[in-house]
Amino acid sequence: MQSFGHPTKPKIDEETRKDYDYMLDHPEEYYSHYYHYYSRRLAPKVDVRVVILVSVCAISVFQFFSWWNSYNKAISYLATVPKYRIQATEIAKQQGLLKKAKEKGKNKKSKEEIRDEEENIIKNIIKSKIDIKGGYQKPQICDLLLFQIILAPYHLCSYIVWYCRWIYNFNIKGKEYGEEERLYIIRKSMKMSKSQFDSLEDHQKETFLKRELWIKENYEVYKQEQEEELKKKLANDPRWKRYRRWMKNEGPGRLTFVDD
C-alpha cells in the first residue's frame, strides 16, 4: 500500500504567524484581524529610499525655479535703476546692439517689439556685467539640496581640514590673521550668513577692516555705536513716535471694563 506524505505547508513570515496565533487565542476579534490582515496585504510596498529620492529631487527642482525667478526679478529691478540702466545703454550703443534691434529687415517690427527687444538687450548686459550676491544671486547647481546631500561628505572633510589648519596656524603658531580670516571673524561676530555678508558693499567691508572689528573690543564699540544710531533714527521717525504714543496711552492688549 502506497503511503502519502503530508502536504507541504506554505511558508509564512513571522508577523503573519503571530497574527494567526493571536486570532486563535482571541476568536472574538475575528473581524478586526481580518481587516488588519488584508490592509497589510493590499498596502502598496514602496521602497522608502525611492520616496526620499523623489522628494529630494522635487524640492531641488522647486529650489532651482524659485531661485531663477528671484534672480530675474533682481535683474528687472536693476534695469529700472538709472545708474545701471544708463551704463548698460551706453555699452549697448557702443556695441551697436540697439541699432540692430531697430533694423526693420524683412519683417517690420512694431514699436512694442522694438521696446521689448531693447529691454532684453539691457537686461542681458546687466546680467553679464553685474555680479549679484546674496539671496538674489544667479542660481548654482551645486547649491541645490540634491547636490548638497551628495557633496555633504566632501564639505564635512573640507571643514575638518580647514578647522585643523585654523587651530594650528592661529592658536598654536600664533600667526597673524589675513584679510579673509579677519572678515570671517567679523561675519561671525555679526551673526550673518555667508550670503548675507557677501551681499554687503565692498566699502562697508573696507570700513570693517579699517576699524579692526575682528578684535572683540573694537566690535563691541562699533555695535554700541550702531545701536545708538538706530535709536536716534527711530526717535526721529514719525511712525515710531506714533507707535510709542499709542503704547503709552493704550498699551498692548489693554482691556477696559465698563459697568452697566
C-alpha atoms as a PDB file:
ATOM      1  CA  MET A   1       0.000   0.000   0.000  1.00  0.00           C
ATOM      2  CA  GLN A   2       1.397   3.307  -1.100  1.00  0.00           C
ATOM      3  CA  SER A   3       1.798   5.865   1.626  1.00  0.00           C
ATOM      4  CA  PHE A   4       1.254   9.539   1.016  1.00  0.00           C
ATOM      5  CA  GLY A   5       3.127  12.151   2.961  1.00  0.00           C
ATOM      6  CA  HIS A   6       1.555  15.254   4.445  1.00  0.00           C
ATOM      7  CA  PRO A   7       1.119  18.153   2.027  1.00  0.00           C
ATOM      8  CA  THR A   8       3.847  20.779   2.277  1.00  0.00           C
ATOM      9  CA  LYS A   9       2.758  23.788   4.292  1.00  0.00           C
ATOM     10  CA  PRO A  10       3.228  27.149   2.612  1.00  0.00           C
ATOM     11  CA  LYS A  11       5.944  29.281   4.153  1.00  0.00           C
ATOM     12  CA  ILE A  12       4.663  32.305   6.044  1.00  0.00           C
ATOM     13  CA  ASP A  13       6.546  35.142   7.641  1.00  0.00           C
ATOM     14  CA  GLU A  14       6.893  35.581  11.369  1.00  0.00           C
ATOM     15  CA  GLU A  15       4.460  38.516  11.566  1.00  0.00           C
ATOM     16  CA  THR A  16       1.700  36.551   9.819  1.00  0.00           C
ATOM     17  CA  ARG A  17       2.288  33.577  12.162  1.00  0.00           C
ATOM     18  CA  LYS A  18       1.887  35.846  15.209  1.00  0.00           C
ATOM     19  CA  ASP A  19      -1.338  37.300  13.816  1.00  0.00           C
ATOM     20  CA  TYR A  20      -2.677  33.801  13.167  1.00  0.00           C
ATOM     21  CA  ASP A  21      -1.845  32.606  16.674  1.00  0.00           C
ATOM     22  CA  TYR A  22      -3.432  35.736  18.143  1.00  0.00           C
ATOM     23  CA  MET A  23      -6.626  35.098  16.142  1.00  0.00           C
ATOM     24  CA  LEU A  24      -6.801  31.521  17.517  1.00  0.00           C
ATOM     25  CA  ASP A  25      -6.431  32.828  21.047  1.00  0.00           C
ATOM     26  CA  HIS A  26      -8.952  35.666  20.513  1.00  0.00           C
ATOM     27  CA  PRO A  27     -11.659  34.420  18.126  1.00  0.00           C
ATOM     28  CA  GLU A  28     -13.990  37.247  19.194  1.00  0.00           C
ATOM     29  CA  GLU A  29     -11.677  39.706  17.335  1.00  0.00           C
ATOM     30  CA  TYR A  30     -12.036  37.893  14.029  1.00  0.00           C
ATOM     31  CA  TYR A  31     -13.238  40.916  12.000  1.00  0.00           C
ATOM     32  CA  SER A  32     -10.532  43.144  13.395  1.00  0.00           C
ATOM     33  CA  HIS A  33      -7.916  40.567  12.473  1.00  0.00           C
ATOM     34  CA  TYR A  34      -9.470  40.198   9.017  1.00  0.00           C
ATOM     35  CA  TYR A  35      -9.198  43.959   8.420  1.00  0.00           C
ATOM     36  CA  HIS A  36      -5.571  44.249   9.544  1.00  0.00           C
ATOM     37  CA  TYR A  37      -4.529  41.212   7.510  1.00  0.00           C
ATOM     38  CA  TYR A  38      -5.904  42.466   4.181  1.00  0.00           C
ATOM     39  CA  SER A  39      -4.928  46.078   4.798  1.00  0.00           C
ATOM     40  CA  ARG A  40      -1.329  44.872   5.188  1.00  0.00           C
ATOM     41  CA  ARG A  41      -1.509  42.562   2.174  1.00  0.00           C
ATOM     42  CA  LEU A  42      -3.056  45.136  -0.131  1.00  0.00           C
ATOM     43  CA  ALA A  43      -0.956  48.083   1.038  1.00  0.00           C
ATOM     44  CA  PRO A  44       1.462  49.305  -1.663  1.00  0.00           C
ATOM     45  CA  LYS A  45       5.013  48.262  -0.878  1.00  0.00           C
ATOM     46  CA  VAL A  46       7.206  51.190  -1.871  1.00  0.00           C
ATOM     47  CA  ASP A  47      10.875  51.433  -1.075  1.00  0.00           C
ATOM     48  CA  VAL A  48      11.433  54.271   1.392  1.00  0.00           C
ATOM     49  CA  ARG A  49      14.663  55.160  -0.383  1.00  0.00           C
ATOM     50  CA  VAL A  50      12.759  55.790  -3.615  1.00  0.00           C
ATOM     51  CA  VAL A  51      10.302  58.061  -1.783  1.00  0.00           C
ATOM     52  CA  ILE A  52      13.157  60.056  -0.216  1.00  0.00           C
ATOM     53  CA  LEU A  53      14.993  60.360  -3.547  1.00  0.00           C
ATOM     54  CA  VAL A  54      11.881  61.558  -5.385  1.00  0.00           C
ATOM     55  CA  SER A  55      11.123  64.061  -2.609  1.00  0.00           C
ATOM     56  CA  VAL A  56      14.654  65.470  -2.653  1.00  0.00           C
ATOM     57  CA  CYS A  57      14.572  65.778  -6.453  1.00  0.00           C
ATOM     58  CA  ALA A  58      11.195  67.547  -6.317  1.00  0.00           C
ATOM     59  CA  ILE A  59      12.473  70.009  -3.698  1.00  0.00           C
ATOM     60  CA  SER A  60      15.623  70.645  -5.769  1.00  0.00           C
ATOM     61  CA  VAL A  61      13.581  71.385  -8.904  1.00  0.00           C
ATOM     62  CA  PHE A  62      11.392  73.789  -6.909  1.00  0.00           C
ATOM     63  CA  GLN A  63      14.508  75.473  -5.484  1.00  0.00           C
ATOM     64  CA  PHE A  64      16.037  75.928  -8.928  1.00  0.00           C
ATOM     65  CA  PHE A  65      12.984  77.586 -10.498  1.00  0.00           C
ATOM     66  CA  SER A  66      12.335  79.681  -7.393  1.00  0.00           C
ATOM     67  CA  TRP A  67      15.915  80.990  -7.401  1.00  0.00           C
ATOM     68  CA  TRP A  68      15.751  81.727 -11.132  1.00  0.00           C
ATOM     69  CA  ASN A  69      12.556  83.686 -10.549  1.00  0.00           C
ATOM     70  CA  SER A  70      14.216  85.732  -7.781  1.00  0.00           C
ATOM     71  CA  TYR A  71      17.284  86.311  -9.960  1.00  0.00           C
ATOM     72  CA  ASN A  72      15.189  87.543 -12.898  1.00  0.00           C
ATOM     73  CA  LYS A  73      13.255  89.849 -10.582  1.00  0.00           C
ATOM     74  CA  ALA A  74      16.544  91.307  -9.332  1.00  0.00           C
ATOM     75  CA  ILE A  75      17.719  91.908 -12.913  1.00  0.00           C
ATOM     76  CA  SER A  76      14.384  93.535 -13.817  1.00  0.00           C
ATOM     77  CA  TYR A  77      14.715  95.816 -10.798  1.00  0.00           C
ATOM     78  CA  LEU A  78      18.314  96.782 -11.638  1.00  0.00           C
ATOM     79  CA  ALA A  79      17.179  97.614 -15.172  1.00  0.00           C
ATOM     80  CA  THR A  80      14.972 100.345 -13.660  1.00  0.00           C
ATOM     81  CA  VAL A  81      17.780 101.869 -11.564  1.00  0.00           C
ATOM     82  CA  PRO A  82      19.161 104.878 -13.533  1.00  0.00           C
ATOM     83  CA  LYS A  83      22.778 104.195 -12.526  1.00  0.00           C
ATOM     84  CA  TYR A  84      22.818 100.689 -14.064  1.00  0.00           C
ATOM     85  CA  ARG A  85      20.410 101.388 -16.899  1.00  0.00           C
ATOM     86  CA  ILE A  86      22.460 104.308 -18.246  1.00  0.00           C
ATOM     87  CA  GLN A  87      25.685 102.277 -18.122  1.00  0.00           C
ATOM     88  CA  ALA A  88      24.031  99.296 -19.846  1.00  0.00           C
ATOM     89  CA  THR A  89      22.525 101.580 -22.512  1.00  0.00           C
ATOM     90  CA  GLU A  90      25.929 103.132 -23.256  1.00  0.00           C
ATOM     91  CA  ILE A  91      27.524  99.688 -23.617  1.00  0.00           C
ATOM     92  CA  ALA A  92      24.695  98.605 -25.928  1.00  0.00           C
ATOM     93  CA  LYS A  93      25.208 101.705 -28.097  1.00  0.00           C
ATOM     94  CA  GLN A  94      28.959 101.136 -28.272  1.00  0.00           C
ATOM     95  CA  GLN A  95      28.410  97.546 -29.391  1.00  0.00           C
ATOM     96  CA  GLY A  96      25.722  98.581 -31.872  1.00  0.00           C
ATOM     97  CA  LEU A  97      23.141  96.316 -30.300  1.00  0.00           C
ATOM     98  CA  LEU A  98      20.396  98.947 -30.160  1.00  0.00           C
ATOM     99  CA  LYS A  99      20.776  99.710 -33.872  1.00  0.00           C
ATOM    100  CA  LYS A 100      20.338  96.043 -34.715  1.00  0.00           C
ATOM    101  CA  ALA A 101      17.185  95.954 -32.637  1.00  0.00           C
ATOM    102  CA  LYS A 102      15.711  98.877 -34.610  1.00  0.00           C
ATOM    103  CA  GLU A 103      16.611  97.448 -38.027  1.00  0.00           C
ATOM    104  CA  LYS A 104      13.432  96.501 -39.864  1.00  0.00           C
ATOM    105  CA  GLY A 105      14.721  93.672 -42.025  1.00  0.00           C
ATOM    106  CA  LYS A 106      12.209  91.541 -43.876  1.00  0.00           C
ATOM    107  CA  ASN A 107       9.587  91.581 -41.116  1.00  0.00           C
ATOM    108  CA  LYS A 108       8.567  95.022 -39.945  1.00  0.00           C
ATOM    109  CA  LYS A 109       8.766  95.323 -36.161  1.00  0.00           C
ATOM    110  CA  SER A 110       6.247  97.228 -34.125  1.00  0.00           C
ATOM    111  CA  LYS A 111       7.321  99.843 -31.593  1.00  0.00           C
ATOM    112  CA  GLU A 112       6.360  97.489 -28.780  1.00  0.00           C
ATOM    113  CA  GLU A 113       8.508  94.670 -30.197  1.00  0.00           C
ATOM    114  CA  ILE A 114      11.480  97.043 -30.569  1.00  0.00           C
ATOM    115  CA  ARG A 115      10.991  98.252 -26.984  1.00  0.00           C
ATOM    116  CA  ASP A 116      10.871  94.682 -25.663  1.00  0.00           C
ATOM    117  CA  GLU A 117      13.984  93.721 -27.615  1.00  0.00           C
ATOM    118  CA  GLU A 118      15.884  96.765 -26.343  1.00  0.00           C
ATOM    119  CA  GLU A 119      14.794  95.942 -22.799  1.00  0.00           C
ATOM    120  CA  ASN A 120      16.093  92.366 -23.165  1.00  0.00           C
ATOM    121  CA  ILE A 121      19.408  93.696 -24.512  1.00  0.00           C
ATOM    122  CA  ILE A 122      19.816  95.983 -21.495  1.00  0.00           C
ATOM    123  CA  LYS A 123      18.940  93.160 -19.086  1.00  0.00           C
ATOM    124  CA  ASN A 124      21.429  90.797 -20.742  1.00  0.00           C
ATOM    125  CA  ILE A 125      24.181  93.416 -20.426  1.00  0.00           C
ATOM    126  CA  ILE A 126      23.368  93.905 -16.744  1.00  0.00           C
ATOM    127  CA  LYS A 127      23.489  90.114 -16.272  1.00  0.00           C
ATOM    128  CA  SER A 128      26.931  89.931 -17.844  1.00  0.00           C
ATOM    129  CA  LYS A 129      28.394  92.962 -16.081  1.00  0.00           C
ATOM    130  CA  ILE A 130      26.929  92.834 -12.573  1.00  0.00           C
ATOM    131  CA  ASP A 131      27.769  90.188 -10.021  1.00  0.00           C
ATOM    132  CA  ILE A 132      24.699  89.881  -7.801  1.00  0.00           C
ATOM    133  CA  LYS A 133      25.474  88.401  -4.413  1.00  0.00           C
ATOM    134  CA  GLY A 134      23.312  87.242  -1.561  1.00  0.00           C
ATOM    135  CA  GLY A 135      19.800  85.835  -1.829  1.00  0.00           C
ATOM    136  CA  TYR A 136      19.265  87.106  -5.392  1.00  0.00           C
ATOM    137  CA  GLN A 137      22.450  85.766  -6.956  1.00  0.00           C
ATOM    138  CA  LYS A 138      22.468  83.615 -10.070  1.00  0.00           C
ATOM    139  CA  PRO A 139      21.394  80.044  -9.215  1.00  0.00           C
ATOM    140  CA  GLN A 140      24.171  77.470  -8.984  1.00  0.00           C
ATOM    141  CA  ILE A 141      23.548  73.757  -9.482  1.00  0.00           C
ATOM    142  CA  CYS A 142      25.848  72.874  -6.602  1.00  0.00           C
ATOM    143  CA  ASP A 143      23.624  74.857  -4.179  1.00  0.00           C
ATOM    144  CA  LEU A 144      20.595  72.633  -4.765  1.00  0.00           C
ATOM    145  CA  LEU A 145      19.528  70.258  -1.990  1.00  0.00           C
ATOM    146  CA  LEU A 146      20.252  67.142  -4.062  1.00  0.00           C
ATOM    147  CA  PHE A 147      23.859  68.163  -4.732  1.00  0.00           C
ATOM    148  CA  GLN A 148      24.316  69.432  -1.180  1.00  0.00           C
ATOM    149  CA  ILE A 149      23.442  65.961   0.100  1.00  0.00           C
ATOM    150  CA  ILE A 150      25.746  64.296  -2.432  1.00  0.00           C
ATOM    151  CA  LEU A 151      28.598  66.668  -1.591  1.00  0.00           C
ATOM    152  CA  ALA A 152      27.993  66.577   2.194  1.00  0.00           C
ATOM    153  CA  PRO A 153      30.920  64.163   2.903  1.00  0.00           C
ATOM    154  CA  TYR A 154      33.269  66.374   0.865  1.00  0.00           C
ATOM    155  CA  HIS A 155      32.121  69.545   2.669  1.00  0.00           C
ATOM    156  CA  LEU A 156      32.489  67.828   6.049  1.00  0.00           C
ATOM    157  CA  CYS A 157      36.055  66.722   5.282  1.00  0.00           C
ATOM    158  CA  SER A 158      36.907  70.183   3.937  1.00  0.00           C
ATOM    159  CA  TYR A 159      35.589  71.819   7.102  1.00  0.00           C
ATOM    160  CA  ILE A 160      37.590  69.463   9.340  1.00  0.00           C
ATOM    161  CA  VAL A 161      40.779  70.216   7.375  1.00  0.00           C
ATOM    162  CA  TRP A 162      40.048  73.978   7.485  1.00  0.00           C
ATOM    163  CA  TYR A 163      39.368  73.891  11.225  1.00  0.00           C
ATOM    164  CA  CYS A 164      42.558  71.952  11.959  1.00  0.00           C
ATOM    165  CA  ARG A 165      44.584  74.450   9.897  1.00  0.00           C
ATOM    166  CA  TRP A 166      42.952  77.340  11.768  1.00  0.00           C
ATOM    167  CA  ILE A 167      43.836  75.837  15.157  1.00  0.00           C
ATOM    168  CA  TYR A 168      47.398  75.053  14.053  1.00  0.00           C
ATOM    169  CA  ASN A 169      48.135  78.394  12.353  1.00  0.00           C
ATOM    170  CA  PHE A 170      46.440  80.860  14.689  1.00  0.00           C
ATOM    171  CA  ASN A 171      46.030  79.126  18.069  1.00  0.00           C
ATOM    172  CA  ILE A 172      49.258  77.118  18.177  1.00  0.00           C
ATOM    173  CA  LYS A 173      51.723  79.011  15.958  1.00  0.00           C
ATOM    174  CA  GLY A 174      50.121  82.422  16.657  1.00  0.00           C
ATOM    175  CA  LYS A 175      50.149  83.658  13.062  1.00  0.00           C
ATOM    176  CA  GLU A 176      48.523  86.984  12.213  1.00  0.00           C
ATOM    177  CA  TYR A 177      45.093  86.881  10.596  1.00  0.00           C
ATOM    178  CA  GLY A 178      44.873  87.540   6.871  1.00  0.00           C
ATOM    179  CA  GLU A 179      42.082  89.601   5.275  1.00  0.00           C
ATOM    180  CA  GLU A 180      39.934  86.529   4.627  1.00  0.00           C
ATOM    181  CA  GLU A 181      40.239  85.324   8.213  1.00  0.00           C
ATOM    182  CA  ARG A 182      39.501  88.817   9.581  1.00  0.00           C
ATOM    183  CA  LEU A 183      36.331  89.104   7.509  1.00  0.00           C
ATOM    184  CA  TYR A 184      35.300  85.632   8.662  1.00  0.00           C
ATOM    185  CA  ILE A 185      35.624  86.625  12.330  1.00  0.00           C
ATOM    186  CA  ILE A 186      33.701  89.854  11.685  1.00  0.00           C
ATOM    187  CA  ARG A 187      30.909  87.948   9.932  1.00  0.00           C
ATOM    188  CA  LYS A 188      30.649  85.502  12.835  1.00  0.00           C
ATOM    189  CA  SER A 189      30.527  88.382  15.338  1.00  0.00           C
ATOM    190  CA  MET A 190      27.694  89.986  13.355  1.00  0.00           C
ATOM    191  CA  LYS A 191      25.903  86.615  13.199  1.00  0.00           C
ATOM    192  CA  MET A 192      25.405  86.906   9.454  1.00  0.00           C
ATOM    193  CA  SER A 193      25.241  84.068   6.943  1.00  0.00           C
ATOM    194  CA  LYS A 194      27.796  83.957   4.135  1.00  0.00           C
ATOM    195  CA  SER A 195      25.236  85.063   1.541  1.00  0.00           C
ATOM    196  CA  GLN A 196      24.144  87.995   3.734  1.00  0.00           C
ATOM    197  CA  PHE A 197      27.729  89.119   4.307  1.00  0.00           C
ATOM    198  CA  ASP A 198      28.630  88.740   0.626  1.00  0.00           C
ATOM    199  CA  SER A 199      25.712  91.000  -0.321  1.00  0.00           C
ATOM    200  CA  LEU A 200      27.296  93.917   1.565  1.00  0.00           C
ATOM    201  CA  GLU A 201      29.024  96.625  -0.428  1.00  0.00           C
ATOM    202  CA  ASP A 202      32.815  96.494  -0.698  1.00  0.00           C
ATOM    203  CA  HIS A 203      33.191  99.884   1.014  1.00  0.00           C
ATOM    204  CA  GLN A 204      31.328  98.513   4.060  1.00  0.00           C
ATOM    205  CA  LYS A 205      33.765  95.628   4.347  1.00  0.00           C
ATOM    206  CA  GLU A 206      36.680  98.044   3.976  1.00  0.00           C
ATOM    207  CA  THR A 207      35.246 100.084   6.850  1.00  0.00           C
ATOM    208  CA  PHE A 208      35.062  96.941   8.980  1.00  0.00           C
ATOM    209  CA  LEU A 209      38.721  96.205   8.260  1.00  0.00           C
ATOM    210  CA  LYS A 210      39.853  99.791   8.903  1.00  0.00           C
ATOM    211  CA  ARG A 211      38.135  99.757  12.270  1.00  0.00           C
ATOM    212  CA  GLU A 212      39.667  96.334  13.058  1.00  0.00           C
ATOM    213  CA  LEU A 213      36.334  94.828  14.015  1.00  0.00           C
ATOM    214  CA  TRP A 214      37.804  91.332  14.213  1.00  0.00           C
ATOM    215  CA  ILE A 215      39.089  92.454  17.624  1.00  0.00           C
ATOM    216  CA  LYS A 216      36.321  91.844  20.158  1.00  0.00           C
ATOM    217  CA  GLU A 217      36.724  95.181  21.997  1.00  0.00           C
ATOM    218  CA  ASN A 218      36.553  97.179  18.731  1.00  0.00           C
ATOM    219  CA  TYR A 219      33.477  95.279  17.624  1.00  0.00           C
ATOM    220  CA  GLU A 220      31.691  95.950  20.921  1.00  0.00           C
ATOM    221  CA  VAL A 221      32.313  99.693  20.473  1.00  0.00           C
ATOM    222  CA  TYR A 222      31.041  99.530  16.876  1.00  0.00           C
ATOM    223  CA  LYS A 223      27.959  97.578  17.950  1.00  0.00           C
ATOM    224  CA  GLN A 224      27.165 100.164  20.637  1.00  0.00           C
ATOM    225  CA  GLU A 225      27.513 102.971  18.076  1.00  0.00           C
ATOM    226  CA  GLN A 226      25.125 101.210  15.690  1.00  0.00           C
ATOM    227  CA  GLU A 227      22.558 100.719  18.443  1.00  0.00           C
ATOM    228  CA  GLU A 228      22.755 104.404  19.415  1.00  0.00           C
ATOM    229  CA  GLU A 229      22.415 105.472  15.792  1.00  0.00           C
ATOM    230  CA  LEU A 230      19.366 103.231  15.377  1.00  0.00           C
ATOM    231  CA  LYS A 231      17.771 104.751  18.497  1.00  0.00           C
ATOM    232  CA  LYS A 232      18.278 108.270  17.070  1.00  0.00           C
ATOM    233  CA  LYS A 233      16.709 107.284  13.753  1.00  0.00           C
ATOM    234  CA  LEU A 234      13.731 105.720  15.490  1.00  0.00           C
ATOM    235  CA  ALA A 235      13.350 108.754  17.758  1.00  0.00           C
ATOM    236  CA  ASN A 236      13.028 110.993  14.682  1.00  0.00           C
ATOM    237  CA  ASP A 237      10.763 108.609  12.794  1.00  0.00           C
ATOM    238  CA  PRO A 238       7.113 109.835  12.850  1.00  0.00           C
ATOM    239  CA  ARG A 239       5.762 106.290  12.660  1.00  0.00           C
ATOM    240  CA  TRP A 240       7.863 105.215  15.622  1.00  0.00           C
ATOM    241  CA  LYS A 241       6.679 108.284  17.571  1.00  0.00           C
ATOM    242  CA  ARG A 242       3.059 107.397  16.874  1.00  0.00           C
ATOM    243  CA  TYR A 243       3.711 103.826  17.981  1.00  0.00           C
ATOM    244  CA  ARG A 244       5.317 104.960  21.255  1.00  0.00           C
ATOM    245  CA  ARG A 245       2.430 107.385  21.871  1.00  0.00           C
ATOM    246  CA  TRP A 246      -0.061 104.581  21.314  1.00  0.00           C
ATOM    247  CA  MET A 247       1.856 102.236  23.623  1.00  0.00           C
ATOM    248  CA  LYS A 248       1.859 104.927  26.304  1.00  0.00           C
ATOM    249  CA  ASN A 249      -1.836 105.777  26.045  1.00  0.00           C
ATOM    250  CA  GLU A 250      -3.420 102.489  25.044  1.00  0.00           C
ATOM    251  CA  GLY A 251      -0.840  99.794  25.657  1.00  0.00           C
ATOM    252  CA  PRO A 252      -0.749  96.329  24.106  1.00  0.00           C
ATOM    253  CA  GLY A 253      -3.805  94.265  24.795  1.00  0.00           C
ATOM    254  CA  ARG A 254      -5.264  96.607  27.385  1.00  0.00           C
ATOM    255  CA  LEU A 255      -8.837  95.689  28.412  1.00  0.00           C
ATOM    256  CA  THR A 256     -11.381  98.205  29.645  1.00  0.00           C
ATOM    257  CA  PHE A 257     -14.368  97.053  31.654  1.00  0.00           C
ATOM    258  CA  VAL A 258     -17.404  99.326  31.570  1.00  0.00           C
ATOM    259  CA  ASP A 259     -20.036  98.878  34.229  1.00  0.00           C
ATOM    260  CA  ASP A 260     -23.613  98.854  33.010  1.00  0.00           C
END
